[in-house]
Amino acid sequence: MIRTMIRKYIPEDATAVIDLWLKASAISHSFIEYDYWLKNADAMKSVYLPMANTSVYVTEQGEIAGFIALVGNLVAALFVSPTHQNCGIGSVLLREAKERFTSLELYVYALNGPAIRFYTRNGFERRGSHTDPNTGELQYRMEFHAG
């Protein structure tokens, strides 16, 4: 079994985290032009990751295999490297967030069926929807409440 570690994001993680985010976004959000993600990479690095409470999942080999970014109890981002998906990393990162907050909320694209199923399996329920003004895509608001 590979030992893992979750630790706080540090600026030196930026290149690996952005690379992971771009690769995972291209797959999970294939319905959005890849150019959109590329155009937002700098803002992700310089604005969004630093303003969030971000944790990274690091393998025993030192590879960042996933990350979760929280803004208060909002799961602003949860991404796992495509090479490490379906190994439980997302659930581990989400479990850490659930240990800090009794309720969580997030937004997920309606066309991202695997993510919707993942969040539903992890206790989230759909509570509304809206159109993302940046992409024009429908998003669901999902919530988790402990107990």
N, C-alpha and C. Protein backbone atom coordinates (compact mmCIF):
# COMPACT_ATOMS: atom_id res chain seq x y z
N MET A 1 0.84 -1.19 0.00
CA MET A 1 0.00 0.00 0.00
C MET A 1 0.88 1.25 0.00
N ILE A 2 0.52 2.22 -0.82
CA ILE A 2 1.27 3.47 -0.90
C ILE A 2 0.82 4.39 0.22
N ARG A 3 1.78 4.90 0.99
CA ARG A 3 1.46 5.88 2.02
C ARG A 3 1.20 7.22 1.35
N THR A 4 0.30 7.95 1.90
CA THR A 4 -0.03 9.26 1.34
C THR A 4 -0.05 10.30 2.44
N MET A 5 -0.11 11.52 1.98
CA MET A 5 -0.15 12.61 2.93
C MET A 5 -1.01 13.74 2.36
N ILE A 6 -1.82 14.32 3.20
CA ILE A 6 -2.53 15.54 2.84
C ILE A 6 -1.87 16.65 3.61
N ARG A 7 -1.51 17.69 2.90
CA ARG A 7 -0.88 18.83 3.55
C ARG A 7 -1.39 20.11 2.92
N LYS A 8 -1.10 21.21 3.60
CA LYS A 8 -1.50 22.52 3.12
C LYS A 8 -0.73 22.87 1.84
N TYR A 9 -1.44 23.45 0.91
CA TYR A 9 -0.85 23.94 -0.33
C TYR A 9 0.18 25.03 -0.02
N ILE A 10 1.31 25.00 -0.72
CA ILE A 10 2.32 26.05 -0.63
C ILE A 10 2.58 26.57 -2.05
N PRO A 11 3.05 27.80 -2.19
CA PRO A 11 3.24 28.38 -3.53
C PRO A 11 4.11 27.52 -4.46
N GLU A 12 5.03 26.76 -3.89
CA GLU A 12 5.88 25.90 -4.71
C GLU A 12 5.09 24.76 -5.37
N ASP A 13 3.88 24.52 -4.92
CA ASP A 13 3.02 23.50 -5.51
C ASP A 13 2.30 23.99 -6.77
N ALA A 14 2.35 25.28 -7.02
CA ALA A 14 1.51 25.88 -8.05
C ALA A 14 1.63 25.21 -9.42
N THR A 15 2.83 24.98 -9.89
CA THR A 15 2.99 24.41 -11.23
C THR A 15 2.34 23.04 -11.32
N ALA A 16 2.58 22.18 -10.33
CA ALA A 16 2.01 20.84 -10.34
C ALA A 16 0.49 20.88 -10.21
N VAL A 17 -0.02 21.76 -9.35
CA VAL A 17 -1.47 21.84 -9.14
C VAL A 17 -2.16 22.38 -10.39
N ILE A 18 -1.60 23.40 -11.01
CA ILE A 18 -2.21 23.95 -12.22
C ILE A 18 -2.17 22.93 -13.35
N ASP A 19 -1.08 22.21 -13.48
CA ASP A 19 -0.98 21.18 -14.51
C ASP A 19 -2.05 20.11 -14.29
N LEU A 20 -2.19 19.67 -13.04
CA LEU A 20 -3.21 18.68 -12.69
C LEU A 20 -4.60 19.22 -13.02
N TRP A 21 -4.86 20.46 -12.62
CA TRP A 21 -6.16 21.10 -12.85
C TRP A 21 -6.48 21.17 -14.34
N LEU A 22 -5.51 21.56 -15.15
CA LEU A 22 -5.73 21.66 -16.60
C LEU A 22 -6.04 20.29 -17.20
N LYS A 23 -5.26 19.28 -16.83
CA LYS A 23 -5.47 17.94 -17.38
C LYS A 23 -6.82 17.37 -16.94
N ALA A 24 -7.15 17.51 -15.68
CA ALA A 24 -8.42 16.98 -15.17
C ALA A 24 -9.60 17.76 -15.76
N SER A 25 -9.46 19.07 -15.90
CA SER A 25 -10.54 19.88 -16.46
C SER A 25 -10.81 19.51 -17.92
N ALA A 26 -9.76 19.26 -18.67
CA ALA A 26 -9.91 18.90 -20.09
C ALA A 26 -10.74 17.62 -20.23
N ILE A 27 -10.59 16.71 -19.29
CA ILE A 27 -11.32 15.44 -19.35
C ILE A 27 -12.72 15.59 -18.76
N SER A 28 -12.81 16.12 -17.54
CA SER A 28 -14.11 16.17 -16.86
C SER A 28 -15.03 17.26 -17.41
N HIS A 29 -14.45 18.24 -18.06
CA HIS A 29 -15.24 19.34 -18.62
C HIS A 29 -15.00 19.43 -20.13
N SER A 30 -15.02 18.30 -20.80
CA SER A 30 -14.75 18.27 -22.24
C SER A 30 -15.78 19.06 -23.05
N PHE A 31 -16.91 19.38 -22.46
CA PHE A 31 -17.97 20.15 -23.10
C PHE A 31 -17.66 21.65 -23.11
N ILE A 32 -16.56 22.04 -22.46
CA ILE A 32 -16.11 23.44 -22.45
C ILE A 32 -14.79 23.50 -23.21
N GLU A 33 -14.65 24.48 -24.06
CA GLU A 33 -13.42 24.62 -24.85
C GLU A 33 -12.20 24.66 -23.93
N TYR A 34 -11.17 23.90 -24.28
CA TYR A 34 -9.95 23.84 -23.48
C TYR A 34 -9.31 25.21 -23.31
N ASP A 35 -9.49 26.05 -24.31
CA ASP A 35 -8.95 27.41 -24.27
C ASP A 35 -9.46 28.18 -23.05
N TYR A 36 -10.69 27.90 -22.63
CA TYR A 36 -11.26 28.56 -21.45
C TYR A 36 -10.39 28.28 -20.23
N TRP A 37 -9.98 27.02 -20.06
CA TRP A 37 -9.16 26.64 -18.92
C TRP A 37 -7.78 27.28 -19.01
N LEU A 38 -7.21 27.26 -20.20
CA LEU A 38 -5.89 27.88 -20.39
C LEU A 38 -5.93 29.36 -20.04
N LYS A 39 -6.96 30.05 -20.47
CA LYS A 39 -7.10 31.48 -20.19
C LYS A 39 -7.24 31.78 -18.71
N ASN A 40 -7.72 30.81 -17.94
CA ASN A 40 -7.94 31.02 -16.51
C ASN A 40 -6.83 30.46 -15.62
N ALA A 41 -5.82 29.86 -16.22
CA ALA A 41 -4.74 29.24 -15.44
C ALA A 41 -3.99 30.26 -14.59
N ASP A 42 -3.70 31.43 -15.14
CA ASP A 42 -2.96 32.43 -14.36
C ASP A 42 -3.78 32.91 -13.17
N ALA A 43 -5.07 33.15 -13.37
CA ALA A 43 -5.93 33.59 -12.27
C ALA A 43 -6.05 32.48 -11.22
N MET A 44 -6.12 31.24 -11.66
CA MET A 44 -6.18 30.13 -10.72
C MET A 44 -4.93 30.14 -9.83
N LYS A 45 -3.79 30.35 -10.46
CA LYS A 45 -2.51 30.33 -9.74
C LYS A 45 -2.33 31.54 -8.83
N SER A 46 -2.65 32.72 -9.33
CA SER A 46 -2.33 33.94 -8.59
C SER A 46 -3.46 34.47 -7.71
N VAL A 47 -4.69 34.07 -7.98
CA VAL A 47 -5.82 34.60 -7.21
C VAL A 47 -6.55 33.50 -6.43
N TYR A 48 -7.08 32.53 -7.16
CA TYR A 48 -8.00 31.56 -6.55
C TYR A 48 -7.32 30.61 -5.56
N LEU A 49 -6.21 30.01 -5.93
CA LEU A 49 -5.55 29.10 -4.99
C LEU A 49 -5.05 29.83 -3.74
N PRO A 50 -4.41 31.00 -3.88
CA PRO A 50 -3.96 31.70 -2.66
C PRO A 50 -5.10 32.16 -1.75
N MET A 51 -6.27 32.51 -2.31
CA MET A 51 -7.37 33.00 -1.47
C MET A 51 -8.12 31.86 -0.78
N ALA A 52 -7.95 30.65 -1.27
CA ALA A 52 -8.67 29.50 -0.71
C ALA A 52 -7.82 28.79 0.33
N ASN A 53 -8.48 27.99 1.13
CA ASN A 53 -7.80 27.09 2.05
C ASN A 53 -7.61 25.80 1.25
N THR A 54 -6.44 25.64 0.67
CA THR A 54 -6.18 24.56 -0.27
C THR A 54 -5.28 23.50 0.36
N SER A 55 -5.67 22.25 0.17
CA SER A 55 -4.88 21.11 0.63
C SER A 55 -4.54 20.26 -0.58
N VAL A 56 -3.36 19.67 -0.55
CA VAL A 56 -2.93 18.78 -1.63
C VAL A 56 -2.75 17.37 -1.09
N TYR A 57 -3.01 16.41 -1.96
CA TYR A 57 -2.83 15.00 -1.65
C TYR A 57 -1.54 14.59 -2.34
N VAL A 58 -0.55 14.19 -1.56
CA VAL A 58 0.78 13.86 -2.08
C VAL A 58 1.03 12.37 -1.90
N THR A 59 1.47 11.71 -2.97
CA THR A 59 1.79 10.28 -2.88
C THR A 59 3.14 10.10 -2.19
N GLU A 60 3.44 8.87 -1.85
CA GLU A 60 4.72 8.54 -1.22
C GLU A 60 5.89 8.94 -2.12
N GLN A 61 5.66 8.94 -3.43
CA GLN A 61 6.70 9.33 -4.38
C GLN A 61 6.83 10.85 -4.51
N GLY A 62 6.02 11.59 -3.77
CA GLY A 62 6.11 13.05 -3.79
C GLY A 62 5.29 13.72 -4.87
N GLU A 63 4.45 12.96 -5.55
CA GLU A 63 3.63 13.51 -6.63
C GLU A 63 2.31 14.05 -6.06
N ILE A 64 1.95 15.24 -6.50
CA ILE A 64 0.65 15.78 -6.11
C ILE A 64 -0.39 15.11 -6.99
N ALA A 65 -1.27 14.33 -6.34
CA ALA A 65 -2.25 13.54 -7.07
C ALA A 65 -3.66 14.13 -7.01
N GLY A 66 -3.85 15.15 -6.18
CA GLY A 66 -5.15 15.77 -6.07
C GLY A 66 -5.09 16.99 -5.17
N PHE A 67 -6.14 17.79 -5.23
CA PHE A 67 -6.22 18.95 -4.34
C PHE A 67 -7.67 19.33 -4.12
N ILE A 68 -7.90 19.98 -2.99
CA ILE A 68 -9.21 20.55 -2.67
C ILE A 68 -8.99 21.98 -2.22
N ALA A 69 -9.80 22.88 -2.75
CA ALA A 69 -9.73 24.30 -2.38
C ALA A 69 -11.07 24.70 -1.78
N LEU A 70 -11.01 25.18 -0.54
CA LEU A 70 -12.21 25.59 0.18
C LEU A 70 -12.18 27.09 0.42
N VAL A 71 -13.31 27.72 0.21
CA VAL A 71 -13.50 29.12 0.58
C VAL A 71 -14.63 29.08 1.60
N GLY A 72 -14.25 29.14 2.87
CA GLY A 72 -15.21 28.85 3.92
C GLY A 72 -15.66 27.42 3.75
N ASN A 73 -16.98 27.19 3.74
CA ASN A 73 -17.47 25.83 3.57
C ASN A 73 -17.84 25.52 2.11
N LEU A 74 -17.43 26.38 1.19
CA LEU A 74 -17.66 26.16 -0.24
C LEU A 74 -16.49 25.37 -0.81
N VAL A 75 -16.79 24.22 -1.40
CA VAL A 75 -15.77 23.46 -2.11
C VAL A 75 -15.63 24.15 -3.47
N ALA A 76 -14.64 25.04 -3.56
CA ALA A 76 -14.43 25.81 -4.78
C ALA A 76 -13.81 24.96 -5.88
N ALA A 77 -13.00 23.97 -5.48
CA ALA A 77 -12.37 23.08 -6.46
C ALA A 77 -11.99 21.78 -5.77
N LEU A 78 -12.21 20.69 -6.46
CA LEU A 78 -11.76 19.37 -6.03
C LEU A 78 -11.37 18.64 -7.31
N PHE A 79 -10.08 18.40 -7.48
CA PHE A 79 -9.59 17.75 -8.69
C PHE A 79 -8.59 16.68 -8.33
N VAL A 80 -8.65 15.59 -9.07
CA VAL A 80 -7.71 14.49 -8.92
C VAL A 80 -7.06 14.26 -10.29
N SER A 81 -5.78 14.02 -10.27
CA SER A 81 -5.04 13.74 -11.49
C SER A 81 -5.70 12.61 -12.26
N PRO A 82 -5.83 12.74 -13.58
CA PRO A 82 -6.45 11.66 -14.37
C PRO A 82 -5.79 10.29 -14.15
N THR A 83 -4.51 10.27 -13.87
CA THR A 83 -3.82 9.00 -13.65
C THR A 83 -4.09 8.40 -12.28
N HIS A 84 -4.73 9.16 -11.40
CA HIS A 84 -5.02 8.68 -10.05
C HIS A 84 -6.52 8.66 -9.73
N GLN A 85 -7.35 8.87 -10.73
CA GLN A 85 -8.79 8.89 -10.48
C GLN A 85 -9.30 7.49 -10.19
N ASN A 86 -10.40 7.42 -9.47
CA ASN A 86 -11.05 6.17 -9.06
C ASN A 86 -10.19 5.34 -8.12
N CYS A 87 -9.35 6.02 -7.35
CA CYS A 87 -8.51 5.35 -6.35
C CYS A 87 -8.85 5.79 -4.93
N GLY A 88 -9.88 6.64 -4.78
CA GLY A 88 -10.30 7.08 -3.46
C GLY A 88 -9.71 8.41 -3.01
N ILE A 89 -8.89 9.05 -3.84
CA ILE A 89 -8.25 10.30 -3.45
C ILE A 89 -9.27 11.41 -3.24
N GLY A 90 -10.22 11.53 -4.14
CA GLY A 90 -11.25 12.55 -3.99
C GLY A 90 -12.04 12.38 -2.71
N SER A 91 -12.35 11.14 -2.37
CA SER A 91 -13.10 10.87 -1.14
C SER A 91 -12.28 11.23 0.10
N VAL A 92 -10.98 10.95 0.05
CA VAL A 92 -10.11 11.29 1.19
C VAL A 92 -10.06 12.81 1.37
N LEU A 93 -9.90 13.54 0.28
CA LEU A 93 -9.85 15.00 0.36
C LEU A 93 -11.19 15.55 0.86
N LEU A 94 -12.28 14.99 0.38
CA LEU A 94 -13.60 15.44 0.81
C LEU A 94 -13.84 15.11 2.28
N ARG A 95 -13.38 13.96 2.72
CA ARG A 95 -13.53 13.57 4.12
C ARG A 95 -12.82 14.57 5.04
N GLU A 96 -11.64 15.03 4.61
CA GLU A 96 -10.93 16.03 5.41
C GLU A 96 -11.76 17.31 5.53
N ALA A 97 -12.41 17.72 4.45
CA ALA A 97 -13.26 18.91 4.49
C ALA A 97 -14.45 18.69 5.41
N LYS A 98 -15.02 17.49 5.37
CA LYS A 98 -16.17 17.18 6.23
C LYS A 98 -15.78 17.17 7.71
N GLU A 99 -14.51 16.90 8.00
CA GLU A 99 -14.05 16.94 9.39
C GLU A 99 -13.96 18.37 9.91
N ARG A 100 -13.82 19.32 9.01
CA ARG A 100 -13.70 20.73 9.41
C ARG A 100 -15.04 21.45 9.41
N PHE A 101 -15.98 20.99 8.59
CA PHE A 101 -17.26 21.68 8.44
C PHE A 101 -18.41 20.67 8.55
N THR A 102 -19.48 21.06 9.23
CA THR A 102 -20.64 20.18 9.33
C THR A 102 -21.53 20.30 8.10
N SER A 103 -21.32 21.35 7.32
CA SER A 103 -22.04 21.46 6.04
C SER A 103 -21.08 22.00 4.99
N LEU A 104 -21.27 21.53 3.78
CA LEU A 104 -20.46 21.96 2.64
C LEU A 104 -21.40 22.23 1.47
N GLU A 105 -20.96 23.10 0.58
CA GLU A 105 -21.71 23.29 -0.66
C GLU A 105 -20.71 23.40 -1.80
N LEU A 106 -21.21 23.15 -3.00
CA LEU A 106 -20.36 23.23 -4.19
C LEU A 106 -21.23 23.40 -5.41
N TYR A 107 -20.58 23.72 -6.51
CA TYR A 107 -21.25 23.82 -7.80
C TYR A 107 -20.57 22.85 -8.75
N VAL A 108 -21.38 22.12 -9.50
CA VAL A 108 -20.87 21.12 -10.43
C VAL A 108 -21.64 21.26 -11.74
N TYR A 109 -20.92 21.14 -12.84
CA TYR A 109 -21.57 21.24 -14.14
C TYR A 109 -22.53 20.08 -14.35
N ALA A 110 -23.72 20.38 -14.86
CA ALA A 110 -24.75 19.37 -15.09
C ALA A 110 -24.28 18.28 -16.04
N LEU A 111 -23.38 18.61 -16.96
CA LEU A 111 -22.89 17.63 -17.92
C LEU A 111 -21.75 16.77 -17.37
N ASN A 112 -21.34 17.02 -16.14
CA ASN A 112 -20.26 16.25 -15.52
C ASN A 112 -20.87 15.13 -14.66
N GLY A 113 -21.43 14.15 -15.34
CA GLY A 113 -22.11 13.04 -14.67
C GLY A 113 -21.25 12.31 -13.64
N PRO A 114 -19.99 11.98 -13.96
CA PRO A 114 -19.18 11.28 -12.96
C PRO A 114 -19.02 12.08 -11.66
N ALA A 115 -18.86 13.40 -11.76
CA ALA A 115 -18.70 14.22 -10.55
C ALA A 115 -20.01 14.26 -9.76
N ILE A 116 -21.13 14.36 -10.46
CA ILE A 116 -22.42 14.38 -9.77
C ILE A 116 -22.63 13.07 -9.01
N ARG A 117 -22.30 11.95 -9.65
CA ARG A 117 -22.43 10.65 -8.97
C ARG A 117 -21.49 10.56 -7.78
N PHE A 118 -20.26 11.06 -7.95
CA PHE A 118 -19.28 11.05 -6.86
C PHE A 118 -19.81 11.83 -5.66
N TYR A 119 -20.28 13.05 -5.90
CA TYR A 119 -20.76 13.87 -4.79
C TYR A 119 -22.02 13.26 -4.15
N THR A 120 -22.89 12.69 -4.95
CA THR A 120 -24.09 12.04 -4.41
C THR A 120 -23.70 10.87 -3.52
N ARG A 121 -22.74 10.05 -3.96
CA ARG A 121 -22.25 8.93 -3.14
C ARG A 121 -21.64 9.42 -1.83
N ASN A 122 -21.13 10.65 -1.84
CA ASN A 122 -20.49 11.22 -0.65
C ASN A 122 -21.42 12.10 0.15
N GLY A 123 -22.73 11.91 -0.02
CA GLY A 123 -23.71 12.56 0.85
C GLY A 123 -24.22 13.92 0.41
N PHE A 124 -23.88 14.37 -0.78
CA PHE A 124 -24.36 15.66 -1.27
C PHE A 124 -25.71 15.49 -1.95
N GLU A 125 -26.54 16.52 -1.82
CA GLU A 125 -27.84 16.54 -2.48
C GLU A 125 -27.95 17.80 -3.32
N ARG A 126 -28.60 17.65 -4.45
CA ARG A 126 -28.81 18.80 -5.35
C ARG A 126 -29.83 19.75 -4.75
N ARG A 127 -29.49 21.03 -4.71
CA ARG A 127 -30.36 22.04 -4.08
C ARG A 127 -30.74 23.19 -5.00
N GLY A 128 -30.32 23.16 -6.23
CA GLY A 128 -30.68 24.24 -7.15
C GLY A 128 -29.78 24.21 -8.36
N SER A 129 -30.00 25.16 -9.25
CA SER A 129 -29.18 25.23 -10.45
C SER A 129 -29.14 26.66 -10.96
N HIS A 130 -28.15 26.92 -11.78
CA HIS A 130 -28.03 28.21 -12.45
C HIS A 130 -27.11 28.02 -13.66
N THR A 131 -27.10 29.01 -14.52
CA THR A 131 -26.21 28.99 -15.67
C THR A 131 -24.95 29.76 -15.31
N ASP A 132 -23.81 29.11 -15.48
CA ASP A 132 -22.52 29.75 -15.21
C ASP A 132 -22.34 30.86 -16.24
N PRO A 133 -22.24 32.12 -15.79
CA PRO A 133 -22.12 33.23 -16.74
C PRO A 133 -20.82 33.21 -17.55
N ASN A 134 -19.80 32.53 -17.04
CA ASN A 134 -18.52 32.48 -17.74
C ASN A 134 -18.49 31.45 -18.86
N THR A 135 -19.24 30.37 -18.71
CA THR A 135 -19.20 29.30 -19.71
C THR A 135 -20.52 29.10 -20.44
N GLY A 136 -21.60 29.61 -19.86
CA GLY A 136 -22.92 29.38 -20.43
C GLY A 136 -23.47 28.00 -20.13
N GLU A 137 -22.78 27.24 -19.30
CA GLU A 137 -23.19 25.87 -18.97
C GLU A 137 -24.01 25.84 -17.68
N LEU A 138 -24.96 24.91 -17.64
CA LEU A 138 -25.79 24.72 -16.46
C LEU A 138 -24.96 24.09 -15.34
N GLN A 139 -25.09 24.64 -14.14
CA GLN A 139 -24.43 24.10 -12.96
C GLN A 139 -25.48 23.77 -11.91
N TYR A 140 -25.21 22.70 -11.15
CA TYR A 140 -26.05 22.35 -10.01
C TYR A 140 -25.34 22.80 -8.74
N ARG A 141 -26.13 23.31 -7.80
CA ARG A 141 -25.63 23.59 -6.46
C ARG A 141 -25.95 22.36 -5.64
N MET A 142 -24.94 21.83 -4.98
CA MET A 142 -25.11 20.64 -4.15
C MET A 142 -24.66 20.94 -2.74
N GLU A 143 -25.34 20.33 -1.77
CA GLU A 143 -25.02 20.58 -0.36
C GLU A 143 -24.86 19.26 0.39
N PHE A 144 -24.00 19.31 1.39
CA PHE A 144 -23.81 18.21 2.33
C PHE A 144 -24.06 18.75 3.72
N HIS A 145 -24.81 17.99 4.52
CA HIS A 145 -25.03 18.34 5.92
C HIS A 145 -24.78 17.10 6.76
N ALA A 146 -23.90 17.22 7.76
CA ALA A 146 -23.59 16.09 8.63
C ALA A 146 -24.79 15.76 9.49
N GLY A 147 -24.90 14.49 9.82
CA GLY A 147 -25.94 14.06 10.75
C GLY A 147 -27.20 13.82 10.06
